[in-house]
Amino acid sequence: MITVDTHVIIWDALKPELLTARAKKAVQTANQTDGIIICDISLWEIAMLMQKNRLEIQATYLEFIALVKASNNYIIQGITPEIAELSAQLPSEINLDPADRIIAATSIITNTRLITADKNLRQSKKIQTIW
């Protein structure tokens, strides 16, 4: 099982060539075994990107999310009290973006590696990442 950052969900669906070979392999392996965690905040981030026309696709938001969910063995993880608490306690090196902090905390709490291109997250000693 792995956790994926929001951009990984988008890239896997629309531009898989942007993923590294290691990231693709990890997604494929998790997809065929115990699953891929998507944080529920990623759903919100995707909705906001589409609303702001920073992500333009030929589908409505709900259609796109339905296709994404059908494409892989995704498990949507809600924000638990433990995830919320940890996200507030993470050091500023993670960065101050609430979504990134929740995604990072989810990865730590679920004891899964995080697939991300985000340098701040990859450089943190608190998070196990794949890229």
N, C-alpha and C. Protein backbone atom coordinates (compact mmCIF):
# COMPACT_ATOMS: atom_id res chain seq x y z
N MET A 1 0.85 -1.18 0.00
CA MET A 1 0.00 0.00 0.00
C MET A 1 0.89 1.24 0.00
N ILE A 2 0.45 2.23 -0.73
CA ILE A 2 1.15 3.51 -0.82
C ILE A 2 0.13 4.63 -0.68
N THR A 3 0.64 5.83 -0.45
CA THR A 3 -0.17 7.04 -0.48
C THR A 3 0.32 7.89 -1.64
N VAL A 4 -0.58 8.56 -2.33
CA VAL A 4 -0.17 9.40 -3.46
C VAL A 4 -0.55 10.85 -3.23
N ASP A 5 0.33 11.73 -3.67
CA ASP A 5 0.08 13.16 -3.63
C ASP A 5 -0.92 13.49 -4.75
N THR A 6 -1.56 14.62 -4.63
CA THR A 6 -2.60 15.01 -5.59
C THR A 6 -2.10 15.02 -7.03
N HIS A 7 -0.93 15.58 -7.26
CA HIS A 7 -0.43 15.66 -8.64
C HIS A 7 -0.17 14.27 -9.22
N VAL A 8 0.14 13.30 -8.38
CA VAL A 8 0.36 11.94 -8.87
C VAL A 8 -0.94 11.34 -9.39
N ILE A 9 -2.04 11.62 -8.72
CA ILE A 9 -3.35 11.15 -9.18
C ILE A 9 -3.63 11.72 -10.57
N ILE A 10 -3.41 13.02 -10.71
CA ILE A 10 -3.68 13.70 -11.98
C ILE A 10 -2.74 13.20 -13.07
N TRP A 11 -1.45 13.14 -12.77
CA TRP A 11 -0.49 12.71 -13.77
C TRP A 11 -0.73 11.26 -14.18
N ASP A 12 -1.03 10.40 -13.22
CA ASP A 12 -1.29 9.00 -13.56
C ASP A 12 -2.47 8.90 -14.52
N ALA A 13 -3.48 9.73 -14.32
CA ALA A 13 -4.68 9.69 -15.16
C ALA A 13 -4.48 10.36 -16.52
N LEU A 14 -3.75 11.48 -16.53
CA LEU A 14 -3.71 12.30 -17.74
C LEU A 14 -2.35 12.40 -18.42
N LYS A 15 -1.27 12.32 -17.67
CA LYS A 15 0.07 12.48 -18.24
C LYS A 15 1.05 11.55 -17.53
N PRO A 16 0.88 10.25 -17.69
CA PRO A 16 1.75 9.31 -16.97
C PRO A 16 3.23 9.46 -17.30
N GLU A 17 3.54 10.09 -18.42
CA GLU A 17 4.95 10.30 -18.76
C GLU A 17 5.66 11.24 -17.79
N LEU A 18 4.90 11.99 -16.99
CA LEU A 18 5.50 12.88 -15.99
C LEU A 18 5.95 12.12 -14.73
N LEU A 19 5.47 10.90 -14.58
CA LEU A 19 5.86 10.08 -13.42
C LEU A 19 7.21 9.42 -13.70
N THR A 20 8.02 9.28 -12.67
CA THR A 20 9.28 8.56 -12.82
C THR A 20 8.99 7.07 -12.96
N ALA A 21 9.99 6.33 -13.40
CA ALA A 21 9.83 4.88 -13.53
C ALA A 21 9.54 4.25 -12.16
N ARG A 22 10.22 4.74 -11.12
CA ARG A 22 9.98 4.22 -9.76
C ARG A 22 8.55 4.49 -9.30
N ALA A 23 8.06 5.69 -9.59
CA ALA A 23 6.70 6.04 -9.19
C ALA A 23 5.68 5.17 -9.94
N LYS A 24 5.88 5.00 -11.24
CA LYS A 24 4.96 4.16 -12.03
C LYS A 24 4.94 2.73 -11.50
N LYS A 25 6.12 2.20 -11.20
CA LYS A 25 6.20 0.83 -10.71
C LYS A 25 5.51 0.70 -9.36
N ALA A 26 5.70 1.66 -8.48
CA ALA A 26 5.05 1.62 -7.16
C ALA A 26 3.53 1.68 -7.28
N VAL A 27 3.04 2.53 -8.18
CA VAL A 27 1.59 2.62 -8.41
C VAL A 27 1.07 1.30 -8.95
N GLN A 28 1.77 0.76 -9.93
CA GLN A 28 1.34 -0.51 -10.54
C GLN A 28 1.32 -1.65 -9.51
N THR A 29 2.37 -1.74 -8.70
CA THR A 29 2.45 -2.80 -7.69
C THR A 29 1.34 -2.64 -6.65
N ALA A 30 1.15 -1.44 -6.13
CA ALA A 30 0.10 -1.20 -5.13
C ALA A 30 -1.28 -1.44 -5.73
N ASN A 31 -1.45 -1.06 -6.99
CA ASN A 31 -2.73 -1.26 -7.67
C ASN A 31 -3.09 -2.74 -7.76
N GLN A 32 -2.08 -3.58 -7.93
CA GLN A 32 -2.31 -5.02 -8.08
C GLN A 32 -2.32 -5.76 -6.74
N THR A 33 -2.00 -5.05 -5.66
CA THR A 33 -1.96 -5.71 -4.35
C THR A 33 -2.95 -5.07 -3.39
N ASP A 34 -2.43 -4.31 -2.42
CA ASP A 34 -3.29 -3.83 -1.34
C ASP A 34 -3.87 -2.44 -1.50
N GLY A 35 -3.55 -1.75 -2.58
CA GLY A 35 -4.24 -0.50 -2.88
C GLY A 35 -3.41 0.76 -2.74
N ILE A 36 -4.01 1.84 -3.18
CA ILE A 36 -3.39 3.16 -3.24
C ILE A 36 -4.26 4.13 -2.46
N ILE A 37 -3.68 4.75 -1.45
CA ILE A 37 -4.43 5.70 -0.63
C ILE A 37 -4.46 7.07 -1.31
N ILE A 38 -5.66 7.60 -1.45
CA ILE A 38 -5.90 8.98 -1.87
C ILE A 38 -6.47 9.70 -0.65
N CYS A 39 -5.87 10.79 -0.27
CA CYS A 39 -6.42 11.59 0.83
C CYS A 39 -7.64 12.35 0.33
N ASP A 40 -8.65 12.44 1.16
CA ASP A 40 -9.86 13.12 0.71
C ASP A 40 -9.60 14.58 0.34
N ILE A 41 -8.58 15.18 0.93
CA ILE A 41 -8.26 16.57 0.57
C ILE A 41 -7.80 16.67 -0.88
N SER A 42 -7.27 15.59 -1.44
CA SER A 42 -6.87 15.60 -2.85
C SER A 42 -8.09 15.75 -3.75
N LEU A 43 -9.22 15.19 -3.34
CA LEU A 43 -10.45 15.36 -4.12
C LEU A 43 -10.82 16.83 -4.19
N TRP A 44 -10.69 17.51 -3.05
CA TRP A 44 -10.97 18.95 -3.00
C TRP A 44 -9.98 19.72 -3.86
N GLU A 45 -8.69 19.37 -3.77
CA GLU A 45 -7.68 20.07 -4.57
C GLU A 45 -7.98 19.94 -6.06
N ILE A 46 -8.36 18.76 -6.49
CA ILE A 46 -8.69 18.55 -7.91
C ILE A 46 -9.91 19.38 -8.30
N ALA A 47 -10.91 19.41 -7.45
CA ALA A 47 -12.10 20.24 -7.73
C ALA A 47 -11.71 21.71 -7.87
N MET A 48 -10.83 22.18 -6.99
CA MET A 48 -10.41 23.58 -7.06
C MET A 48 -9.60 23.86 -8.32
N LEU A 49 -8.72 22.95 -8.70
CA LEU A 49 -7.94 23.12 -9.92
C LEU A 49 -8.85 23.20 -11.14
N MET A 50 -9.87 22.37 -11.16
CA MET A 50 -10.82 22.41 -12.29
C MET A 50 -11.64 23.69 -12.27
N GLN A 51 -12.08 24.10 -11.09
CA GLN A 51 -12.87 25.32 -10.97
C GLN A 51 -12.09 26.54 -11.44
N LYS A 52 -10.80 26.56 -11.15
CA LYS A 52 -9.94 27.69 -11.53
C LYS A 52 -9.36 27.55 -12.93
N ASN A 53 -9.79 26.51 -13.66
CA ASN A 53 -9.31 26.23 -15.01
C ASN A 53 -7.80 25.98 -15.07
N ARG A 54 -7.22 25.51 -13.97
CA ARG A 54 -5.81 25.12 -13.95
C ARG A 54 -5.66 23.66 -14.32
N LEU A 55 -6.78 22.96 -14.39
CA LEU A 55 -6.83 21.58 -14.87
C LEU A 55 -8.03 21.50 -15.79
N GLU A 56 -7.75 21.46 -17.07
CA GLU A 56 -8.82 21.45 -18.06
C GLU A 56 -8.90 20.08 -18.71
N ILE A 57 -10.03 19.43 -18.55
CA ILE A 57 -10.27 18.13 -19.17
C ILE A 57 -11.67 18.12 -19.76
N GLN A 58 -11.91 17.16 -20.62
CA GLN A 58 -13.19 17.06 -21.31
C GLN A 58 -14.18 16.21 -20.50
N ALA A 59 -14.34 16.56 -19.25
CA ALA A 59 -15.29 15.86 -18.38
C ALA A 59 -15.63 16.79 -17.23
N THR A 60 -16.76 16.53 -16.60
CA THR A 60 -17.07 17.28 -15.40
C THR A 60 -16.20 16.74 -14.27
N TYR A 61 -16.16 17.46 -13.18
CA TYR A 61 -15.38 17.01 -12.02
C TYR A 61 -15.84 15.62 -11.58
N LEU A 62 -17.14 15.44 -11.41
CA LEU A 62 -17.65 14.15 -10.93
C LEU A 62 -17.36 13.02 -11.91
N GLU A 63 -17.45 13.30 -13.20
CA GLU A 63 -17.11 12.29 -14.20
C GLU A 63 -15.62 11.92 -14.11
N PHE A 64 -14.77 12.94 -13.98
CA PHE A 64 -13.34 12.69 -13.89
C PHE A 64 -13.00 11.85 -12.65
N ILE A 65 -13.57 12.20 -11.51
CA ILE A 65 -13.29 11.46 -10.27
C ILE A 65 -13.80 10.03 -10.40
N ALA A 66 -14.94 9.84 -11.01
CA ALA A 66 -15.46 8.48 -11.20
C ALA A 66 -14.51 7.66 -12.07
N LEU A 67 -13.97 8.27 -13.12
CA LEU A 67 -13.00 7.58 -13.98
C LEU A 67 -11.71 7.27 -13.23
N VAL A 68 -11.24 8.22 -12.45
CA VAL A 68 -10.03 8.02 -11.66
C VAL A 68 -10.23 6.86 -10.68
N LYS A 69 -11.35 6.88 -9.96
CA LYS A 69 -11.61 5.82 -8.98
C LYS A 69 -11.73 4.45 -9.64
N ALA A 70 -12.25 4.42 -10.85
CA ALA A 70 -12.41 3.15 -11.56
C ALA A 70 -11.09 2.65 -12.17
N SER A 71 -10.14 3.55 -12.32
CA SER A 71 -8.90 3.20 -13.03
C SER A 71 -7.90 2.43 -12.19
N ASN A 72 -7.93 2.59 -10.90
CA ASN A 72 -6.96 1.96 -10.01
C ASN A 72 -7.65 1.49 -8.73
N ASN A 73 -6.92 0.74 -7.95
CA ASN A 73 -7.41 0.25 -6.67
C ASN A 73 -7.21 1.34 -5.61
N TYR A 74 -7.97 2.42 -5.76
CA TYR A 74 -7.85 3.56 -4.87
C TYR A 74 -8.69 3.38 -3.61
N ILE A 75 -8.12 3.81 -2.51
CA ILE A 75 -8.80 3.81 -1.22
C ILE A 75 -8.80 5.26 -0.74
N ILE A 76 -9.98 5.84 -0.58
CA ILE A 76 -10.05 7.23 -0.14
C ILE A 76 -9.98 7.27 1.37
N GLN A 77 -8.97 8.00 1.87
CA GLN A 77 -8.72 8.10 3.31
C GLN A 77 -9.22 9.46 3.80
N GLY A 78 -10.10 9.42 4.77
CA GLY A 78 -10.58 10.65 5.38
C GLY A 78 -9.58 11.19 6.39
N ILE A 79 -9.83 12.41 6.82
CA ILE A 79 -8.98 13.03 7.83
C ILE A 79 -9.46 12.54 9.20
N THR A 80 -8.64 11.74 9.83
CA THR A 80 -8.97 11.24 11.17
C THR A 80 -8.45 12.24 12.20
N PRO A 81 -8.88 12.13 13.45
CA PRO A 81 -8.32 13.01 14.48
C PRO A 81 -6.79 12.88 14.58
N GLU A 82 -6.27 11.68 14.41
CA GLU A 82 -4.82 11.47 14.48
C GLU A 82 -4.10 12.17 13.32
N ILE A 83 -4.67 12.08 12.14
CA ILE A 83 -4.08 12.74 10.97
C ILE A 83 -4.13 14.25 11.16
N ALA A 84 -5.26 14.77 11.63
CA ALA A 84 -5.40 16.21 11.86
C ALA A 84 -4.37 16.70 12.89
N GLU A 85 -4.24 15.96 13.98
CA GLU A 85 -3.29 16.37 15.02
C GLU A 85 -1.86 16.38 14.48
N LEU A 86 -1.46 15.30 13.81
CA LEU A 86 -0.10 15.22 13.30
C LEU A 86 0.16 16.30 12.26
N SER A 87 -0.81 16.57 11.39
CA SER A 87 -0.60 17.58 10.34
C SER A 87 -0.34 18.95 10.96
N ALA A 88 -0.95 19.23 12.10
CA ALA A 88 -0.73 20.50 12.79
C ALA A 88 0.62 20.55 13.49
N GLN A 89 1.16 19.39 13.82
CA GLN A 89 2.43 19.31 14.56
C GLN A 89 3.66 19.18 13.67
N LEU A 90 3.48 18.90 12.40
CA LEU A 90 4.63 18.70 11.52
C LEU A 90 5.47 19.98 11.45
N PRO A 91 6.78 19.83 11.30
CA PRO A 91 7.64 21.01 11.22
C PRO A 91 7.39 21.81 9.95
N SER A 92 7.80 23.06 9.97
CA SER A 92 7.55 23.94 8.83
C SER A 92 8.34 23.50 7.59
N GLU A 93 9.38 22.67 7.74
CA GLU A 93 10.12 22.17 6.58
C GLU A 93 9.22 21.43 5.62
N ILE A 94 8.14 20.84 6.12
CA ILE A 94 7.17 20.14 5.26
C ILE A 94 6.58 21.14 4.28
N ASN A 95 6.27 22.26 4.71
CA ASN A 95 5.74 23.48 4.12
C ASN A 95 4.43 23.80 4.84
N LEU A 96 3.87 24.92 4.53
CA LEU A 96 2.69 25.36 5.28
C LEU A 96 1.38 25.09 4.55
N ASP A 97 1.44 24.48 3.38
CA ASP A 97 0.23 24.16 2.63
C ASP A 97 -0.57 23.11 3.39
N PRO A 98 -1.81 23.43 3.79
CA PRO A 98 -2.60 22.48 4.58
C PRO A 98 -2.80 21.13 3.89
N ALA A 99 -3.02 21.14 2.59
CA ALA A 99 -3.23 19.87 1.88
C ALA A 99 -1.98 19.00 1.93
N ASP A 100 -0.82 19.60 1.69
CA ASP A 100 0.43 18.83 1.76
C ASP A 100 0.67 18.28 3.16
N ARG A 101 0.33 19.06 4.16
CA ARG A 101 0.53 18.62 5.54
C ARG A 101 -0.39 17.45 5.87
N ILE A 102 -1.63 17.50 5.37
CA ILE A 102 -2.58 16.40 5.61
C ILE A 102 -2.13 15.16 4.85
N ILE A 103 -1.67 15.32 3.62
CA ILE A 103 -1.20 14.18 2.83
C ILE A 103 0.02 13.56 3.50
N ALA A 104 0.95 14.39 3.96
CA ALA A 104 2.15 13.89 4.65
C ALA A 104 1.76 13.15 5.93
N ALA A 105 0.87 13.74 6.70
CA ALA A 105 0.43 13.10 7.95
C ALA A 105 -0.28 11.78 7.68
N THR A 106 -1.05 11.73 6.62
CA THR A 106 -1.74 10.49 6.25
C THR A 106 -0.73 9.39 5.96
N SER A 107 0.31 9.75 5.21
CA SER A 107 1.35 8.78 4.89
C SER A 107 2.03 8.26 6.16
N ILE A 108 2.30 9.15 7.08
CA ILE A 108 2.96 8.75 8.33
C ILE A 108 2.04 7.88 9.18
N ILE A 109 0.81 8.32 9.37
CA ILE A 109 -0.15 7.59 10.22
C ILE A 109 -0.46 6.21 9.64
N THR A 110 -0.58 6.11 8.32
CA THR A 110 -0.90 4.81 7.69
C THR A 110 0.35 3.96 7.46
N ASN A 111 1.51 4.53 7.80
CA ASN A 111 2.79 3.83 7.63
C ASN A 111 2.98 3.36 6.18
N THR A 112 2.70 4.28 5.26
CA THR A 112 2.86 3.99 3.84
C THR A 112 3.85 4.99 3.24
N ARG A 113 4.49 4.59 2.17
CA ARG A 113 5.39 5.51 1.47
C ARG A 113 4.53 6.45 0.62
N LEU A 114 5.01 7.67 0.51
CA LEU A 114 4.30 8.70 -0.24
C LEU A 114 4.95 8.89 -1.60
N ILE A 115 4.17 8.78 -2.64
CA ILE A 115 4.68 9.07 -3.98
C ILE A 115 4.42 10.54 -4.25
N THR A 116 5.50 11.28 -4.46
CA THR A 116 5.39 12.71 -4.68
C THR A 116 6.61 13.25 -5.40
N ALA A 117 6.40 14.28 -6.20
CA ALA A 117 7.50 15.01 -6.83
C ALA A 117 7.87 16.23 -5.98
N ASP A 118 7.10 16.52 -4.95
CA ASP A 118 7.30 17.70 -4.11
C ASP A 118 8.63 17.60 -3.36
N LYS A 119 9.54 18.53 -3.63
CA LYS A 119 10.88 18.48 -3.03
C LYS A 119 10.84 18.64 -1.52
N ASN A 120 9.99 19.51 -1.00
CA ASN A 120 9.90 19.68 0.45
C ASN A 120 9.51 18.37 1.12
N LEU A 121 8.53 17.70 0.57
CA LEU A 121 8.09 16.44 1.15
C LEU A 121 9.16 15.37 1.01
N ARG A 122 9.83 15.33 -0.14
CA ARG A 122 10.86 14.31 -0.38
C ARG A 122 12.08 14.54 0.50
N GLN A 123 12.37 15.77 0.85
CA GLN A 123 13.55 16.06 1.66
C GLN A 123 13.30 15.90 3.15
N SER A 124 12.06 15.81 3.55
CA SER A 124 11.74 15.67 4.97
C SER A 124 12.19 14.29 5.47
N LYS A 125 12.78 14.28 6.63
CA LYS A 125 13.22 13.02 7.23
C LYS A 125 12.06 12.28 7.91
N LYS A 126 10.92 12.95 8.02
CA LYS A 126 9.77 12.35 8.69
C LYS A 126 8.91 11.50 7.76
N ILE A 127 9.11 11.66 6.44
CA ILE A 127 8.24 11.00 5.47
C ILE A 127 9.07 10.08 4.58
N GLN A 128 8.59 8.87 4.40
CA GLN A 128 9.21 7.94 3.46
C GLN A 128 8.57 8.19 2.09
N THR A 129 9.38 8.54 1.12
CA THR A 129 8.83 8.88 -0.19
C THR A 129 9.42 8.01 -1.29
N ILE A 130 8.70 8.02 -2.39
CA ILE A 130 9.16 7.38 -3.62
C ILE A 130 9.07 8.44 -4.70
N TRP A 131 10.09 8.57 -5.49
CA TRP A 131 10.04 9.40 -6.68
C TRP A 131 11.08 8.93 -7.63
